[in-house]
Amino acid sequence: MKGATQIRAATIAVAVGALTTGLMSAPAHAAAAKGETFTRSYTLVKEFNSKPLKRCARLTVWGSVTFTRTQGPGFYLIYKNIKVNNPTARVSALAKCGSKKSSTLTKGTITQRWYESSCKANVKVAVGFPWAVSVEPTVECGNRRVGKRKTTYTGTAKTYTQYNSGRPLSFTGTLYAGPSVKQPPAPLCLSAKPTITIYAKSKSDSFTTTMKACVKP
């Protein structure tokens, strides 16, 4: 009988432990089912050496991504309501790459392009905003709809900055966010494909790159 008592006690302990675990994870599952909204910042930096201009161009892109994580059609989670807030791009002139010594430019052009990296969500822009939508080649998705804005700056300066305050980029559709709240979330990645053209008097040089802004809850 002693052995049987021990077995029953162990069975009760396992059942209580499972119930406790379920109660502890219930708020997380409930929040996921209802939907949680997050805002995460990003900063991306890349430098380009221009031998013809004898300068380095440092490109810095920053802003934040807002998104909602909620339960999908099955038990897995999805991201939706994805938006890039205040996407900003700055070109700084340096004497050489990796240094802090600044240089000057006489003119500059900054073009920002944004799209979703897994090629499942489409970019959307509001009518009247400075962003436009165009179909362009991308590294991950081939020809893809991208949110695009181009600005040209004149006059000698050390930096040119394209601000987009209050001009968000939105994305329609949903993305996979992970199997459950108890597992590590899948990253949400958006691709920025900027092009910069820098001028020093009668010479110019251009660079294009793809930079990824990946965020998690």
N, C-alpha and C. Protein backbone atom coordinates (compact mmCIF):
# COMPACT_ATOMS: atom_id res chain seq x y z
N MET A 1 0.81 -1.21 0.00
CA MET A 1 0.00 0.00 0.00
C MET A 1 0.85 1.25 0.00
N LYS A 2 2.01 1.14 0.62
CA LYS A 2 2.88 2.30 0.66
C LYS A 2 3.29 2.72 -0.74
N GLY A 3 3.58 1.72 -1.60
CA GLY A 3 3.97 2.04 -2.97
C GLY A 3 2.84 2.69 -3.72
N ALA A 4 1.63 2.19 -3.53
CA ALA A 4 0.48 2.77 -4.20
C ALA A 4 0.24 4.20 -3.76
N THR A 5 0.43 4.47 -2.46
CA THR A 5 0.26 5.84 -1.94
C THR A 5 1.25 6.79 -2.56
N GLN A 6 2.50 6.33 -2.72
CA GLN A 6 3.53 7.17 -3.34
C GLN A 6 3.20 7.49 -4.78
N ILE A 7 2.66 6.48 -5.50
CA ILE A 7 2.29 6.70 -6.90
C ILE A 7 1.19 7.72 -7.01
N ARG A 8 0.15 7.59 -6.14
CA ARG A 8 -0.96 8.55 -6.17
C ARG A 8 -0.47 9.96 -5.84
N ALA A 9 0.45 10.06 -4.87
CA ALA A 9 0.99 11.37 -4.49
C ALA A 9 1.77 11.99 -5.63
N ALA A 10 2.55 11.16 -6.32
CA ALA A 10 3.32 11.67 -7.46
C ALA A 10 2.40 12.12 -8.58
N THR A 11 1.31 11.34 -8.80
CA THR A 11 0.35 11.70 -9.85
C THR A 11 -0.31 13.02 -9.55
N ILE A 12 -0.69 13.22 -8.28
CA ILE A 12 -1.32 14.48 -7.87
C ILE A 12 -0.35 15.64 -8.04
N ALA A 13 0.93 15.42 -7.70
CA ALA A 13 1.93 16.49 -7.83
C ALA A 13 2.11 16.90 -9.27
N VAL A 14 2.14 15.90 -10.19
CA VAL A 14 2.28 16.20 -11.62
C VAL A 14 1.08 16.98 -12.12
N ALA A 15 -0.12 16.57 -11.70
CA ALA A 15 -1.34 17.26 -12.13
C ALA A 15 -1.37 18.69 -11.63
N VAL A 16 -0.98 18.90 -10.38
CA VAL A 16 -0.94 20.26 -9.82
C VAL A 16 0.08 21.11 -10.55
N GLY A 17 1.26 20.52 -10.87
CA GLY A 17 2.29 21.25 -11.59
C GLY A 17 1.82 21.67 -12.98
N ALA A 18 1.12 20.77 -13.66
CA ALA A 18 0.61 21.09 -15.00
C ALA A 18 -0.44 22.19 -14.92
N LEU A 19 -1.30 22.13 -13.89
CA LEU A 19 -2.33 23.15 -13.72
C LEU A 19 -1.70 24.50 -13.43
N THR A 20 -0.67 24.50 -12.59
CA THR A 20 0.03 25.76 -12.24
C THR A 20 0.68 26.37 -13.47
N THR A 21 1.33 25.51 -14.28
CA THR A 21 1.97 26.00 -15.50
C THR A 21 0.94 26.60 -16.44
N GLY A 22 -0.22 25.92 -16.56
CA GLY A 22 -1.27 26.44 -17.41
C GLY A 22 -1.79 27.77 -16.93
N LEU A 23 -1.94 27.91 -15.60
CA LEU A 23 -2.43 29.18 -15.04
C LEU A 23 -1.42 30.29 -15.25
N MET A 24 -0.13 29.96 -15.16
CA MET A 24 0.91 30.98 -15.31
C MET A 24 0.99 31.47 -16.75
N SER A 25 0.78 30.57 -17.72
CA SER A 25 0.90 30.97 -19.12
C SER A 25 -0.40 31.53 -19.69
N ALA A 26 -1.50 31.38 -18.95
CA ALA A 26 -2.80 31.85 -19.44
C ALA A 26 -2.81 33.33 -19.78
N PRO A 27 -2.26 34.22 -18.92
CA PRO A 27 -2.26 35.65 -19.28
C PRO A 27 -1.52 35.94 -20.57
N ALA A 28 -0.40 35.22 -20.78
CA ALA A 28 0.37 35.45 -22.01
C ALA A 28 -0.43 35.02 -23.23
N HIS A 29 -1.09 33.85 -23.13
CA HIS A 29 -1.90 33.38 -24.25
C HIS A 29 -3.09 34.30 -24.49
N ALA A 30 -3.69 34.77 -23.40
CA ALA A 30 -4.84 35.67 -23.53
C ALA A 30 -4.44 36.98 -24.19
N ALA A 31 -3.25 37.50 -23.80
CA ALA A 31 -2.77 38.76 -24.40
C ALA A 31 -2.49 38.56 -25.88
N ALA A 32 -1.92 37.38 -26.23
CA ALA A 32 -1.62 37.13 -27.64
C ALA A 32 -2.90 37.02 -28.45
N ALA A 33 -3.91 36.34 -27.87
CA ALA A 33 -5.18 36.20 -28.58
C ALA A 33 -5.85 37.55 -28.81
N LYS A 34 -5.73 38.43 -27.82
CA LYS A 34 -6.32 39.76 -27.93
C LYS A 34 -5.51 40.64 -28.86
N GLY A 35 -4.19 40.47 -28.84
CA GLY A 35 -3.30 41.28 -29.68
C GLY A 35 -2.51 42.27 -28.86
N GLU A 36 -1.20 42.23 -28.99
CA GLU A 36 -0.31 43.19 -28.31
C GLU A 36 0.41 44.02 -29.36
N THR A 37 0.51 45.32 -29.13
CA THR A 37 1.18 46.22 -30.06
C THR A 37 2.51 46.65 -29.48
N PHE A 38 3.54 46.62 -30.31
CA PHE A 38 4.89 46.95 -29.89
C PHE A 38 5.46 48.02 -30.81
N THR A 39 6.38 48.81 -30.30
CA THR A 39 7.16 49.76 -31.10
C THR A 39 8.63 49.55 -30.79
N ARG A 40 9.41 49.27 -31.82
CA ARG A 40 10.83 49.00 -31.65
C ARG A 40 11.64 49.91 -32.59
N SER A 41 12.71 50.48 -32.06
CA SER A 41 13.54 51.39 -32.86
C SER A 41 14.60 50.60 -33.63
N TYR A 42 15.12 51.22 -34.68
CA TYR A 42 16.20 50.63 -35.46
C TYR A 42 17.17 51.73 -35.86
N THR A 43 18.45 51.37 -35.99
CA THR A 43 19.49 52.26 -36.51
C THR A 43 20.42 51.42 -37.36
N LEU A 44 20.62 51.83 -38.61
CA LEU A 44 21.45 51.11 -39.55
C LEU A 44 22.52 52.05 -40.10
N VAL A 45 23.76 51.59 -40.16
CA VAL A 45 24.87 52.44 -40.60
C VAL A 45 25.74 51.70 -41.61
N LYS A 46 26.13 52.42 -42.66
CA LYS A 46 27.06 51.86 -43.64
C LYS A 46 27.89 52.97 -44.24
N GLU A 47 29.16 52.66 -44.54
CA GLU A 47 30.07 53.66 -45.11
C GLU A 47 30.49 53.25 -46.52
N PHE A 48 30.68 54.26 -47.37
CA PHE A 48 31.08 54.04 -48.77
C PHE A 48 32.30 54.91 -49.08
N ASN A 49 33.33 54.28 -49.58
CA ASN A 49 34.55 55.01 -49.93
C ASN A 49 34.49 55.45 -51.39
N SER A 50 34.66 56.73 -51.63
CA SER A 50 34.68 57.26 -52.99
C SER A 50 36.10 57.71 -53.32
N LYS A 51 36.79 56.93 -54.14
CA LYS A 51 38.14 57.31 -54.56
C LYS A 51 38.13 58.55 -55.45
N PRO A 52 37.18 58.67 -56.40
CA PRO A 52 37.17 59.87 -57.25
C PRO A 52 36.99 61.16 -56.46
N LEU A 53 36.16 61.10 -55.40
CA LEU A 53 35.89 62.31 -54.62
C LEU A 53 36.83 62.47 -53.43
N LYS A 54 37.63 61.41 -53.16
CA LYS A 54 38.57 61.41 -52.03
C LYS A 54 37.83 61.72 -50.73
N ARG A 55 36.71 61.05 -50.58
CA ARG A 55 35.87 61.21 -49.39
C ARG A 55 35.18 59.90 -49.08
N CYS A 56 34.63 59.84 -47.87
CA CYS A 56 33.81 58.71 -47.47
C CYS A 56 32.41 59.23 -47.16
N ALA A 57 31.41 58.50 -47.60
CA ALA A 57 30.02 58.86 -47.31
C ALA A 57 29.48 57.88 -46.29
N ARG A 58 29.09 58.39 -45.14
CA ARG A 58 28.47 57.54 -44.10
C ARG A 58 26.96 57.70 -44.19
N LEU A 59 26.27 56.59 -44.42
CA LEU A 59 24.81 56.59 -44.50
C LEU A 59 24.25 56.04 -43.19
N THR A 60 23.39 56.80 -42.54
CA THR A 60 22.73 56.37 -41.30
C THR A 60 21.23 56.43 -41.52
N VAL A 61 20.57 55.31 -41.25
CA VAL A 61 19.12 55.20 -41.41
C VAL A 61 18.52 54.84 -40.06
N TRP A 62 17.50 55.57 -39.62
CA TRP A 62 16.90 55.25 -38.33
C TRP A 62 15.42 55.62 -38.30
N GLY A 63 14.73 55.08 -37.29
CA GLY A 63 13.30 55.30 -37.11
C GLY A 63 12.78 54.25 -36.15
N SER A 64 11.51 53.87 -36.28
CA SER A 64 10.94 52.82 -35.44
C SER A 64 9.89 52.04 -36.22
N VAL A 65 9.63 50.82 -35.78
CA VAL A 65 8.63 49.95 -36.40
C VAL A 65 7.56 49.63 -35.36
N THR A 66 6.31 49.87 -35.71
CA THR A 66 5.18 49.51 -34.86
C THR A 66 4.46 48.31 -35.49
N PHE A 67 4.08 47.34 -34.65
CA PHE A 67 3.42 46.14 -35.17
C PHE A 67 2.59 45.51 -34.05
N THR A 68 1.61 44.72 -34.45
CA THR A 68 0.77 44.00 -33.51
C THR A 68 1.02 42.51 -33.65
N ARG A 69 1.21 41.82 -32.52
CA ARG A 69 1.33 40.37 -32.52
C ARG A 69 0.04 39.79 -31.95
N THR A 70 -0.57 38.88 -32.69
CA THR A 70 -1.84 38.31 -32.26
C THR A 70 -1.94 36.87 -32.74
N GLN A 71 -2.97 36.18 -32.30
CA GLN A 71 -3.15 34.79 -32.70
C GLN A 71 -3.71 34.70 -34.10
N GLY A 72 -3.12 33.79 -34.89
CA GLY A 72 -3.56 33.63 -36.27
C GLY A 72 -4.71 32.65 -36.39
N PRO A 73 -5.00 32.19 -37.61
CA PRO A 73 -6.11 31.25 -37.82
C PRO A 73 -5.94 29.95 -37.04
N GLY A 74 -4.71 29.48 -36.89
CA GLY A 74 -4.44 28.28 -36.10
C GLY A 74 -3.98 28.66 -34.71
N PHE A 75 -3.07 27.90 -34.16
CA PHE A 75 -2.53 28.21 -32.83
C PHE A 75 -1.28 29.07 -32.92
N TYR A 76 -0.76 29.25 -34.13
CA TYR A 76 0.45 30.05 -34.28
C TYR A 76 0.11 31.54 -34.20
N LEU A 77 1.16 32.38 -34.10
CA LEU A 77 0.99 33.82 -33.96
C LEU A 77 1.34 34.52 -35.27
N ILE A 78 0.78 35.69 -35.46
CA ILE A 78 1.05 36.48 -36.66
C ILE A 78 1.36 37.93 -36.28
N TYR A 79 2.06 38.62 -37.18
CA TYR A 79 2.26 40.07 -37.08
C TYR A 79 1.32 40.75 -38.07
N LYS A 80 0.75 41.86 -37.66
CA LYS A 80 -0.09 42.65 -38.56
C LYS A 80 0.01 44.12 -38.17
N ASN A 81 -0.67 44.99 -38.90
CA ASN A 81 -0.63 46.45 -38.62
C ASN A 81 0.81 46.96 -38.56
N ILE A 82 1.61 46.55 -39.53
CA ILE A 82 3.04 46.90 -39.54
C ILE A 82 3.22 48.29 -40.13
N LYS A 83 4.04 49.09 -39.45
CA LYS A 83 4.24 50.48 -39.89
C LYS A 83 5.65 50.94 -39.54
N VAL A 84 6.30 51.63 -40.47
CA VAL A 84 7.60 52.27 -40.22
C VAL A 84 7.34 53.74 -39.90
N ASN A 85 7.76 54.17 -38.72
CA ASN A 85 7.52 55.53 -38.26
C ASN A 85 8.74 56.42 -38.48
N ASN A 86 8.51 57.59 -39.03
CA ASN A 86 9.57 58.60 -39.19
C ASN A 86 10.86 58.03 -39.79
N PRO A 87 10.79 57.31 -40.91
CA PRO A 87 12.01 56.77 -41.51
C PRO A 87 12.94 57.89 -41.97
N THR A 88 14.10 57.95 -41.36
CA THR A 88 15.05 59.04 -41.58
C THR A 88 16.35 58.51 -42.17
N ALA A 89 16.94 59.26 -43.08
CA ALA A 89 18.22 58.88 -43.68
C ALA A 89 19.14 60.10 -43.71
N ARG A 90 20.38 59.88 -43.32
CA ARG A 90 21.37 60.98 -43.28
C ARG A 90 22.65 60.55 -43.98
N VAL A 91 23.20 61.43 -44.79
CA VAL A 91 24.50 61.22 -45.42
C VAL A 91 25.48 62.20 -44.79
N SER A 92 26.57 61.67 -44.26
CA SER A 92 27.62 62.49 -43.66
C SER A 92 28.90 62.31 -44.45
N ALA A 93 29.61 63.40 -44.70
CA ALA A 93 30.87 63.35 -45.44
C ALA A 93 32.03 63.24 -44.46
N LEU A 94 32.91 62.27 -44.69
CA LEU A 94 34.09 62.06 -43.85
C LEU A 94 35.35 62.15 -44.70
N ALA A 95 36.44 62.49 -44.04
CA ALA A 95 37.71 62.55 -44.75
C ALA A 95 38.11 61.16 -45.24
N LYS A 96 37.83 60.14 -44.44
CA LYS A 96 38.04 58.75 -44.85
C LYS A 96 37.15 57.86 -43.99
N CYS A 97 36.87 56.68 -44.49
CA CYS A 97 35.97 55.78 -43.78
C CYS A 97 36.59 55.32 -42.45
N GLY A 98 35.76 55.25 -41.44
CA GLY A 98 36.22 54.83 -40.12
C GLY A 98 36.75 55.96 -39.27
N SER A 99 36.86 57.16 -39.82
CA SER A 99 37.40 58.29 -39.06
C SER A 99 36.27 59.18 -38.56
N LYS A 100 36.63 60.10 -37.67
CA LYS A 100 35.67 61.07 -37.16
C LYS A 100 35.85 62.45 -37.81
N LYS A 101 36.90 62.58 -38.62
CA LYS A 101 37.16 63.85 -39.27
C LYS A 101 36.18 64.06 -40.41
N SER A 102 35.45 65.15 -40.37
CA SER A 102 34.42 65.40 -41.37
C SER A 102 35.00 66.07 -42.61
N SER A 103 34.22 65.99 -43.69
CA SER A 103 34.55 66.65 -44.93
C SER A 103 33.31 67.40 -45.40
N THR A 104 33.31 67.88 -46.63
CA THR A 104 32.15 68.62 -47.13
C THR A 104 31.73 68.10 -48.50
N LEU A 105 30.45 68.35 -48.81
CA LEU A 105 29.88 68.02 -50.11
C LEU A 105 29.23 69.28 -50.67
N THR A 106 29.09 69.34 -51.98
CA THR A 106 28.44 70.51 -52.58
C THR A 106 27.00 70.22 -53.01
N LYS A 107 26.66 68.93 -53.05
CA LYS A 107 25.30 68.54 -53.43
C LYS A 107 25.10 67.08 -53.04
N GLY A 108 23.86 66.69 -52.81
CA GLY A 108 23.59 65.30 -52.45
C GLY A 108 22.17 64.89 -52.79
N THR A 109 21.99 63.60 -53.06
CA THR A 109 20.66 63.04 -53.31
C THR A 109 20.48 61.80 -52.45
N ILE A 110 19.35 61.73 -51.76
CA ILE A 110 19.03 60.57 -50.93
C ILE A 110 17.71 59.98 -51.42
N THR A 111 17.72 58.69 -51.72
CA THR A 111 16.49 57.97 -52.09
C THR A 111 16.30 56.81 -51.14
N GLN A 112 15.18 56.83 -50.42
CA GLN A 112 14.84 55.70 -49.55
C GLN A 112 13.82 54.81 -50.25
N ARG A 113 14.01 53.50 -50.15
CA ARG A 113 13.05 52.51 -50.64
C ARG A 113 12.82 51.49 -49.52
N TRP A 114 11.58 51.14 -49.28
CA TRP A 114 11.25 50.17 -48.23
C TRP A 114 10.33 49.09 -48.76
N TYR A 115 10.58 47.85 -48.33
CA TYR A 115 9.68 46.74 -48.63
C TYR A 115 9.86 45.68 -47.54
N GLU A 116 8.96 44.69 -47.52
CA GLU A 116 9.00 43.65 -46.49
C GLU A 116 9.87 42.50 -46.98
N SER A 117 10.81 42.04 -46.14
CA SER A 117 11.89 41.16 -46.59
C SER A 117 11.45 39.77 -47.02
N SER A 118 10.37 39.22 -46.46
CA SER A 118 9.95 37.88 -46.83
C SER A 118 9.00 37.88 -48.02
N CYS A 119 8.70 39.07 -48.54
CA CYS A 119 7.92 39.23 -49.78
C CYS A 119 6.46 38.83 -49.62
N LYS A 120 5.91 38.92 -48.41
CA LYS A 120 4.53 38.51 -48.17
C LYS A 120 3.60 39.68 -47.85
N ALA A 121 4.14 40.81 -47.43
CA ALA A 121 3.31 41.97 -47.09
C ALA A 121 3.61 43.10 -48.06
N ASN A 122 2.57 43.76 -48.54
CA ASN A 122 2.73 44.84 -49.52
C ASN A 122 2.80 46.20 -48.83
N VAL A 123 3.63 47.08 -49.36
CA VAL A 123 3.75 48.42 -48.81
C VAL A 123 2.52 49.24 -49.20
N LYS A 124 2.16 50.17 -48.34
CA LYS A 124 0.99 51.03 -48.59
C LYS A 124 1.34 52.43 -48.13
N VAL A 125 1.04 53.42 -48.96
CA VAL A 125 1.28 54.81 -48.59
C VAL A 125 -0.02 55.59 -48.71
N ALA A 126 -0.16 56.61 -47.86
CA ALA A 126 -1.36 57.44 -47.90
C ALA A 126 -1.26 58.45 -49.03
N VAL A 127 -2.38 58.76 -49.63
CA VAL A 127 -2.42 59.73 -50.73
C VAL A 127 -2.02 61.10 -50.21
N GLY A 128 -1.17 61.80 -50.96
CA GLY A 128 -0.76 63.15 -50.58
C GLY A 128 0.51 63.20 -49.77
N PHE A 129 0.98 62.07 -49.30
CA PHE A 129 2.23 62.04 -48.54
C PHE A 129 3.41 62.05 -49.52
N PRO A 130 4.60 62.37 -49.07
CA PRO A 130 5.74 62.45 -50.00
C PRO A 130 6.21 61.11 -50.52
N TRP A 131 5.73 60.02 -49.94
CA TRP A 131 6.12 58.70 -50.41
C TRP A 131 5.32 58.32 -51.65
N ALA A 132 5.97 57.56 -52.52
CA ALA A 132 5.31 57.01 -53.70
C ALA A 132 5.52 55.51 -53.70
N VAL A 133 4.71 54.79 -54.47
CA VAL A 133 4.87 53.34 -54.61
C VAL A 133 5.29 53.05 -56.04
N SER A 134 6.37 52.30 -56.19
CA SER A 134 6.83 51.93 -57.53
C SER A 134 7.30 50.48 -57.51
N VAL A 135 7.30 49.84 -58.66
CA VAL A 135 7.79 48.47 -58.80
C VAL A 135 9.25 48.52 -59.21
N GLU A 136 10.11 47.95 -58.35
CA GLU A 136 11.55 48.00 -58.62
C GLU A 136 12.18 46.66 -58.26
N PRO A 137 13.37 46.34 -58.81
CA PRO A 137 14.05 45.09 -58.46
C PRO A 137 14.57 45.13 -57.03
N THR A 138 14.43 44.01 -56.33
CA THR A 138 14.94 43.89 -54.96
C THR A 138 15.79 42.64 -54.85
N VAL A 139 16.63 42.59 -53.82
CA VAL A 139 17.52 41.45 -53.63
C VAL A 139 16.73 40.19 -53.27
N GLU A 140 15.77 40.33 -52.35
CA GLU A 140 15.06 39.15 -51.84
C GLU A 140 13.84 38.75 -52.67
N CYS A 141 13.17 39.72 -53.26
CA CYS A 141 11.84 39.46 -53.83
C CYS A 141 11.73 39.69 -55.33
N GLY A 142 12.84 39.92 -56.02
CA GLY A 142 12.73 40.23 -57.44
C GLY A 142 12.03 41.56 -57.62
N ASN A 143 11.24 41.71 -58.66
CA ASN A 143 10.48 42.95 -58.85
C ASN A 143 9.39 43.04 -57.78
N ARG A 144 9.38 44.12 -57.06
CA ARG A 144 8.51 44.24 -55.89
C ARG A 144 8.04 45.67 -55.72
N ARG A 145 6.82 45.84 -55.21
CA ARG A 145 6.32 47.17 -54.87
C ARG A 145 7.10 47.71 -53.68
N VAL A 146 7.65 48.90 -53.81
CA VAL A 146 8.42 49.51 -52.73
C VAL A 146 7.88 50.90 -52.44
N GLY A 147 8.00 51.33 -51.19
CA GLY A 147 7.72 52.71 -50.83
C GLY A 147 8.96 53.53 -51.09
N LYS A 148 8.84 54.61 -51.84
CA LYS A 148 10.02 55.33 -52.33
C LYS A 148 9.89 56.83 -52.11
N ARG A 149 11.00 57.44 -51.69
CA ARG A 149 11.05 58.90 -51.61
C ARG A 149 12.45 59.37 -51.95
N LYS A 150 12.54 60.39 -52.81
CA LYS A 150 13.82 60.94 -53.25
C LYS A 150 13.87 62.43 -52.93
N THR A 151 15.01 62.86 -52.39
CA THR A 151 15.22 64.27 -52.06
C THR A 151 16.60 64.69 -52.54
N THR A 152 16.68 65.88 -53.13
CA THR A 152 17.96 66.44 -53.59
C THR A 152 18.31 67.66 -52.76
N TYR A 153 19.57 67.75 -52.35
CA TYR A 153 20.05 68.85 -51.51
C TYR A 153 21.16 69.60 -52.24
N THR A 154 21.15 70.91 -52.16
CA THR A 154 22.18 71.74 -52.77
C THR A 154 22.80 72.64 -51.70
N GLY A 155 23.98 73.10 -52.00
CA GLY A 155 24.70 73.94 -51.04
C GLY A 155 25.73 73.13 -50.27
N THR A 156 26.87 73.73 -50.02
CA THR A 156 27.96 73.04 -49.33
C THR A 156 27.55 72.70 -47.90
N ALA A 157 27.75 71.44 -47.51
CA ALA A 157 27.37 71.00 -46.17
C ALA A 157 28.15 69.74 -45.81
N LYS A 158 28.21 69.48 -44.51
CA LYS A 158 28.86 68.26 -44.02
C LYS A 158 27.87 67.09 -43.99
N THR A 159 26.58 67.38 -43.82
CA THR A 159 25.55 66.35 -43.77
C THR A 159 24.30 66.80 -44.52
N TYR A 160 23.59 65.83 -45.06
CA TYR A 160 22.26 66.05 -45.63
C TYR A 160 21.33 65.02 -44.98
N THR A 161 20.18 65.47 -44.51
CA THR A 161 19.27 64.58 -43.78
C THR A 161 17.87 64.63 -44.37
N GLN A 162 17.35 63.47 -44.67
CA GLN A 162 15.97 63.35 -45.15
C GLN A 162 15.08 62.91 -43.98
N TYR A 163 14.33 63.85 -43.44
CA TYR A 163 13.37 63.53 -42.38
C TYR A 163 12.01 63.21 -43.00
N ASN A 164 11.26 62.36 -42.34
CA ASN A 164 9.90 62.04 -42.76
C ASN A 164 8.98 62.03 -41.55
N SER A 165 9.05 63.11 -40.77
CA SER A 165 8.28 63.20 -39.54
C SER A 165 6.79 63.13 -39.84
N GLY A 166 6.10 62.23 -39.16
CA GLY A 166 4.66 62.09 -39.37
C GLY A 166 4.29 61.53 -40.72
N ARG A 167 5.24 60.91 -41.41
CA ARG A 167 5.00 60.33 -42.73
C ARG A 167 5.33 58.84 -42.68
N PRO A 168 4.47 58.03 -42.04
CA PRO A 168 4.78 56.60 -41.90
C PRO A 168 4.56 55.82 -43.19
N LEU A 169 5.19 54.67 -43.25
CA LEU A 169 4.96 53.70 -44.31
C LEU A 169 4.24 52.51 -43.71
N SER A 170 3.12 52.11 -44.28
CA SER A 170 2.35 50.99 -43.75
C SER A 170 2.46 49.78 -44.66
N PHE A 171 2.20 48.60 -44.08
CA PHE A 171 2.25 47.36 -44.84
C PHE A 171 0.96 46.57 -44.61
N THR A 172 0.35 46.09 -45.68
CA THR A 172 -0.84 45.27 -45.59
C THR A 172 -0.45 43.80 -45.55
N GLY A 173 -1.33 42.96 -45.03
CA GLY A 173 -1.05 41.54 -44.96
C GLY A 173 -0.53 41.14 -43.59
N THR A 174 -0.27 39.85 -43.40
CA THR A 174 0.20 39.33 -42.12
C THR A 174 1.47 38.51 -42.32
N LEU A 175 2.26 38.40 -41.26
CA LEU A 175 3.51 37.64 -41.29
C LEU A 175 3.55 36.67 -40.12
N TYR A 176 4.23 35.55 -40.29
CA TYR A 176 4.38 34.55 -39.24
C TYR A 176 5.20 35.12 -38.09
N ALA A 177 4.70 34.97 -36.86
CA ALA A 177 5.37 35.56 -35.69
C ALA A 177 5.89 34.51 -34.72
N GLY A 178 5.65 33.24 -34.98
CA GLY A 178 6.15 32.20 -34.09
C GLY A 178 5.06 31.20 -33.73
N PRO A 179 5.46 30.02 -33.19
CA PRO A 179 4.48 28.98 -32.87
C PRO A 179 3.60 29.31 -31.67
N SER A 180 4.15 29.99 -30.67
CA SER A 180 3.39 30.34 -29.47
C SER A 180 4.17 31.37 -28.67
N VAL A 181 3.52 31.92 -27.65
CA VAL A 181 4.19 32.93 -26.82
C VAL A 181 5.27 32.31 -25.96
N LYS A 182 5.25 30.98 -25.81
CA LYS A 182 6.26 30.31 -24.98
C LYS A 182 7.54 30.02 -25.75
N GLN A 183 7.52 30.23 -27.06
CA GLN A 183 8.69 29.99 -27.89
C GLN A 183 9.29 31.33 -28.33
N PRO A 184 10.59 31.37 -28.66
CA PRO A 184 11.19 32.63 -29.14
C PRO A 184 10.44 33.15 -30.37
N PRO A 185 10.12 34.44 -30.41
CA PRO A 185 9.37 34.99 -31.55
C PRO A 185 10.20 35.02 -32.82
N ALA A 186 9.55 34.87 -33.94
CA ALA A 186 10.21 35.03 -35.23
C ALA A 186 10.47 36.51 -35.46
N PRO A 187 11.61 36.87 -36.06
CA PRO A 187 11.87 38.29 -36.31
C PRO A 187 10.98 38.85 -37.41
N LEU A 188 10.68 40.11 -37.30
CA LEU A 188 9.96 40.84 -38.33
C LEU A 188 10.99 41.71 -39.04
N CYS A 189 11.26 41.42 -40.30
CA CYS A 189 12.32 42.12 -41.02
C CYS A 189 11.77 42.94 -42.18
N LEU A 190 12.16 44.20 -42.22
CA LEU A 190 11.84 45.09 -43.32
C LEU A 190 13.16 45.50 -43.98
N SER A 191 13.14 45.62 -45.29
CA SER A 191 14.36 45.96 -46.03
C SER A 191 14.33 47.42 -46.47
N ALA A 192 15.41 48.11 -46.19
CA ALA A 192 15.61 49.46 -46.72
C ALA A 192 16.63 49.35 -47.84
N LYS A 193 16.28 49.92 -48.98
CA LYS A 193 17.21 49.92 -50.12
C LYS A 193 17.48 51.37 -50.52
N PRO A 194 18.41 52.02 -49.81
CA PRO A 194 18.70 53.43 -50.13
C PRO A 194 19.73 53.57 -51.24
N THR A 195 19.61 54.66 -51.95
CA THR A 195 20.62 55.08 -52.93
C THR A 195 21.04 56.50 -52.58
N ILE A 196 22.34 56.73 -52.54
CA ILE A 196 22.84 58.08 -52.29
C ILE A 196 23.75 58.50 -53.44
N THR A 197 23.67 59.76 -53.80
CA THR A 197 24.60 60.35 -54.78
C THR A 197 25.22 61.56 -54.12
N ILE A 198 26.55 61.60 -54.10
CA ILE A 198 27.24 62.72 -53.47
C ILE A 198 28.06 63.47 -54.52
N TYR A 199 28.19 64.77 -54.31
CA TYR A 199 28.89 65.65 -55.25
C TYR A 199 29.98 66.44 -54.51
N ALA A 200 31.10 66.58 -55.17
CA ALA A 200 32.17 67.48 -54.72
C ALA A 200 32.59 68.30 -55.92
N LYS A 201 32.05 69.50 -55.98
CA LYS A 201 32.27 70.38 -57.13
C LYS A 201 31.78 69.69 -58.42
N SER A 202 32.68 69.42 -59.36
CA SER A 202 32.25 68.90 -60.66
C SER A 202 32.24 67.36 -60.72
N LYS A 203 32.45 66.69 -59.60
CA LYS A 203 32.49 65.23 -59.58
C LYS A 203 31.34 64.68 -58.74
N SER A 204 30.88 63.49 -59.08
CA SER A 204 29.83 62.83 -58.30
C SER A 204 30.10 61.33 -58.23
N ASP A 205 29.48 60.69 -57.25
CA ASP A 205 29.60 59.25 -57.08
C ASP A 205 28.30 58.75 -56.46
N SER A 206 27.88 57.53 -56.81
CA SER A 206 26.61 56.98 -56.33
C SER A 206 26.81 55.61 -55.71
N PHE A 207 25.97 55.31 -54.73
CA PHE A 207 26.04 54.02 -54.04
C PHE A 207 24.62 53.56 -53.70
N THR A 208 24.39 52.26 -53.86
CA THR A 208 23.11 51.64 -53.48
C THR A 208 23.40 50.44 -52.61
N THR A 209 22.60 50.24 -51.57
CA THR A 209 22.80 49.10 -50.69
C THR A 209 21.44 48.64 -50.17
N THR A 210 21.41 47.45 -49.60
CA THR A 210 20.21 46.94 -48.94
C THR A 210 20.52 46.74 -47.46
N MET A 211 19.71 47.32 -46.60
CA MET A 211 19.90 47.24 -45.15
C MET A 211 18.62 46.69 -44.53
N LYS A 212 18.76 45.79 -43.56
CA LYS A 212 17.58 45.17 -42.95
C LYS A 212 17.34 45.69 -41.54
N ALA A 213 16.10 46.07 -41.28
CA ALA A 213 15.67 46.45 -39.95
C ALA A 213 14.85 45.29 -39.40
N CYS A 214 15.43 44.50 -38.51
CA CYS A 214 14.75 43.34 -37.93
C CYS A 214 14.40 43.62 -36.48
N VAL A 215 13.14 43.41 -36.10
CA VAL A 215 12.66 43.71 -34.75
C VAL A 215 11.89 42.50 -34.21
N LYS A 216 11.75 42.45 -32.88
CA LYS A 216 11.00 41.41 -32.20
C LYS A 216 10.17 42.04 -31.09
N PRO A 217 9.12 41.34 -30.62
CA PRO A 217 8.34 41.85 -29.48
C PRO A 217 9.21 42.02 -28.24
